[in-house]
Amino acid sequence: MGVKLKELCQFLVKAKIQTYAGDGKRVEPERSDFKELEFSEGEWCYRDSYTGFYRAPGQEVVRYKGKPIWIMSYSGGMKPKYHEKLKFSKQTYNFLKEALKRVKVSSPFRGPESFKKGDYEYINKVEGNVKAFKGEEKIFYKGEEVFSQDYIGGLIVDEVKKS
């Protein structure tokens, strides 16, 4: 297939900043009741598909030349005591988007290890690399955990060249 890991990581960063973190354009969902965002560049295509609001599980897939080569699944959301607190949840998700815009090529999964703004703090712990990884992200408001999400993923194919 001829894909280099560095190219994949660079594309992931662009795609993530252009979609959920950047209020990207929604596309027609492949599954009913899901929200889907897509970013394409050249022979690369990224699609983020999720459902729900307070808890919003989903999946990201990268295709190269039409074939799926990388995937990440995630699940989590607002802590139960914040369900039905729409305004606070929207503020928290806006903070999450700010954290996710700081995604790095060296760890192109979610946000940075940590990010603080005002009363909010984002913490992200990940094990592995773009080939195979798992992680957990949390958001704290005034020191109290209000959001958590687990994620896992990696390469779908083993035909990737090292860069």
Protein backbone atom coordinates (compact mmCIF):
# COMPACT_ATOMS: atom_id res chain seq x y z
CA MET A 1 0.00 0.00 0.00
CA GLY A 2 2.98 2.33 0.46
CA VAL A 3 1.75 4.38 3.42
CA LYS A 4 4.35 5.83 5.78
CA LEU A 5 3.53 6.13 9.48
CA LYS A 6 4.66 9.75 9.56
CA GLU A 7 2.26 10.62 6.72
CA LEU A 8 -0.57 8.87 8.56
CA CYS A 9 0.16 10.80 11.77
CA GLN A 10 0.34 14.13 9.92
CA PHE A 11 -2.96 13.41 8.16
CA LEU A 12 -4.63 12.43 11.45
CA VAL A 13 -3.67 15.75 13.03
CA LYS A 14 -5.07 17.73 10.08
CA ALA A 15 -8.25 15.66 9.99
CA LYS A 16 -8.96 15.92 13.71
CA ILE A 17 -8.45 19.69 13.74
CA GLN A 18 -10.74 20.07 10.70
CA THR A 19 -13.59 17.88 12.02
CA TYR A 20 -14.90 17.65 15.61
CA ALA A 21 -12.30 19.95 17.19
CA GLY A 22 -12.86 22.51 14.46
CA ASP A 23 -16.64 22.23 14.12
CA GLY A 24 -16.21 20.54 10.76
CA LYS A 25 -18.90 19.88 8.22
CA ARG A 26 -21.25 16.97 8.86
CA VAL A 27 -21.79 14.43 6.12
CA GLU A 28 -24.62 11.99 5.46
CA PRO A 29 -24.23 9.27 8.12
CA GLU A 30 -23.72 5.66 7.09
CA ARG A 31 -25.78 4.59 10.17
CA SER A 32 -29.06 6.17 11.23
CA ASP A 33 -29.04 8.35 14.36
CA PHE A 34 -25.27 8.90 14.11
CA LYS A 35 -23.44 12.16 13.48
CA GLU A 36 -20.57 11.92 11.03
CA LEU A 37 -17.77 14.28 10.10
CA GLU A 38 -15.37 13.74 7.22
CA PHE A 39 -12.09 15.21 6.00
CA SER A 40 -10.35 14.23 2.76
CA GLU A 41 -7.01 15.21 1.30
CA GLY A 42 -5.57 13.56 -1.79
CA GLU A 43 -5.93 9.80 -1.40
CA TRP A 44 -6.61 10.07 2.34
CA CYS A 45 -10.07 10.09 3.93
CA TYR A 46 -10.98 10.37 7.63
CA ARG A 47 -14.46 9.81 9.05
CA ASP A 48 -15.57 10.32 12.65
CA SER A 49 -18.90 8.68 13.48
CA TYR A 50 -20.61 9.04 16.87
CA THR A 51 -24.02 9.02 18.53
CA GLY A 52 -25.46 10.49 21.69
CA PHE A 53 -24.64 13.65 23.62
CA TYR A 54 -24.00 13.23 27.34
CA ARG A 55 -22.37 9.90 26.56
CA ALA A 56 -21.31 9.71 22.93
CA PRO A 57 -19.50 6.56 21.79
CA GLY A 58 -17.96 6.58 18.37
CA GLN A 59 -15.32 5.49 15.93
CA GLU A 60 -12.78 7.15 13.66
CA VAL A 61 -11.57 5.46 10.47
CA VAL A 62 -8.80 6.50 8.09
CA ARG A 63 -8.87 5.19 4.53
CA TYR A 64 -6.00 5.38 2.09
CA LYS A 65 -6.81 4.82 -1.58
CA GLY A 66 -10.27 3.71 -0.46
CA LYS A 67 -9.08 1.01 1.95
CA PRO A 68 -9.43 1.30 5.74
CA ILE A 69 -5.94 1.34 7.30
CA TRP A 70 -6.40 2.84 10.79
CA ILE A 71 -9.19 2.88 13.37
CA MET A 72 -9.94 4.28 16.80
CA SER A 73 -12.99 3.54 18.93
CA TYR A 74 -13.98 5.70 21.89
CA SER A 75 -16.63 5.65 24.58
CA GLY A 76 -17.44 7.86 27.52
CA GLY A 77 -18.76 11.31 28.22
CA MET A 78 -20.14 13.45 30.98
CA LYS A 79 -20.34 11.93 34.45
CA PRO A 80 -23.94 10.87 35.31
CA LYS A 81 -24.53 13.72 37.77
CA TYR A 82 -24.11 16.15 34.83
CA HIS A 83 -26.57 14.43 32.52
CA GLU A 84 -29.41 16.84 31.77
CA LYS A 85 -27.18 19.85 32.59
CA LEU A 86 -27.12 21.05 29.02
CA LYS A 87 -25.38 24.43 29.42
CA PHE A 88 -22.56 23.04 31.58
CA SER A 89 -22.12 20.04 29.28
CA LYS A 90 -21.86 22.28 26.21
CA GLN A 91 -19.24 24.42 27.99
CA THR A 92 -17.32 21.25 28.86
CA TYR A 93 -17.47 19.98 25.27
CA ASN A 94 -16.26 23.37 24.00
CA PHE A 95 -13.29 23.08 26.36
CA LEU A 96 -12.71 19.52 25.08
CA LYS A 97 -12.58 20.86 21.51
CA GLU A 98 -9.94 23.39 22.58
CA ALA A 99 -7.86 20.57 24.07
CA LEU A 100 -8.32 18.38 20.98
CA LYS A 101 -7.04 21.18 18.71
CA ARG A 102 -3.69 20.69 20.46
CA VAL A 103 -3.28 17.13 19.14
CA LYS A 104 0.34 16.32 18.26
CA VAL A 105 1.86 14.34 15.38
CA SER A 106 3.81 12.28 17.96
CA SER A 107 0.54 11.19 19.62
CA PRO A 108 -2.28 11.75 17.09
CA PHE A 109 -5.11 10.19 19.09
CA ARG A 110 -6.87 12.80 21.23
CA GLY A 111 -5.47 15.93 22.94
CA PRO A 112 -2.15 16.70 24.66
CA GLU A 113 -1.03 15.15 27.97
CA SER A 114 -2.52 18.13 29.79
CA PHE A 115 -4.20 21.44 29.07
CA LYS A 116 -5.65 24.04 31.43
CA LYS A 117 -7.89 27.01 30.80
CA GLY A 118 -9.81 28.86 33.48
CA ASP A 119 -11.42 26.39 35.88
CA TYR A 120 -11.05 23.49 33.43
CA GLU A 121 -8.23 20.96 33.19
CA TYR A 122 -7.79 18.21 30.57
CA ILE A 123 -5.64 15.13 31.30
CA ASN A 124 -4.83 12.47 28.68
CA LYS A 125 -2.94 9.24 29.36
CA VAL A 126 -2.05 6.96 26.46
CA GLU A 127 -0.02 3.77 26.03
CA GLY A 128 1.41 2.63 22.70
CA ASN A 129 1.83 4.33 19.35
CA VAL A 130 -0.12 4.84 16.13
CA LYS A 131 0.22 1.10 15.34
CA ALA A 132 -1.60 0.01 18.53
CA PHE A 133 -2.69 2.16 21.46
CA LYS A 134 -5.17 2.67 24.27
CA GLY A 135 -5.82 5.67 26.41
CA GLU A 136 -8.08 7.61 28.72
CA GLU A 137 -8.90 11.29 28.80
CA LYS A 138 -10.52 13.20 31.65
CA ILE A 139 -11.79 16.71 32.21
CA PHE A 140 -11.89 18.34 35.62
CA TYR A 141 -13.83 21.46 36.55
CA LYS A 142 -12.61 23.21 39.69
CA GLY A 143 -10.79 19.98 40.57
CA GLU A 144 -13.84 17.71 40.17
CA GLU A 145 -13.94 15.10 37.41
CA VAL A 146 -16.85 15.90 35.09
CA PHE A 147 -15.96 13.94 31.93
CA SER A 148 -14.02 10.78 31.09
CA GLN A 149 -13.56 8.72 27.96
CA ASP A 150 -11.59 5.61 27.00
CA TYR A 151 -10.18 5.01 23.53
CA ILE A 152 -8.38 2.20 21.73
CA GLY A 153 -7.16 1.58 18.21
CA GLY A 154 -4.36 1.17 15.72
CA LEU A 155 -3.48 0.00 12.25
CA ILE A 156 -5.83 -2.26 10.35
CA VAL A 157 -3.21 -3.40 7.85
CA ASP A 158 0.40 -4.43 8.39
CA GLU A 159 1.63 -3.11 5.05
CA VAL A 160 2.91 0.21 6.38
CA LYS A 161 6.45 1.42 5.73
CA LYS A 162 8.43 3.05 8.52
CA SER A 163 9.30 6.66 7.77
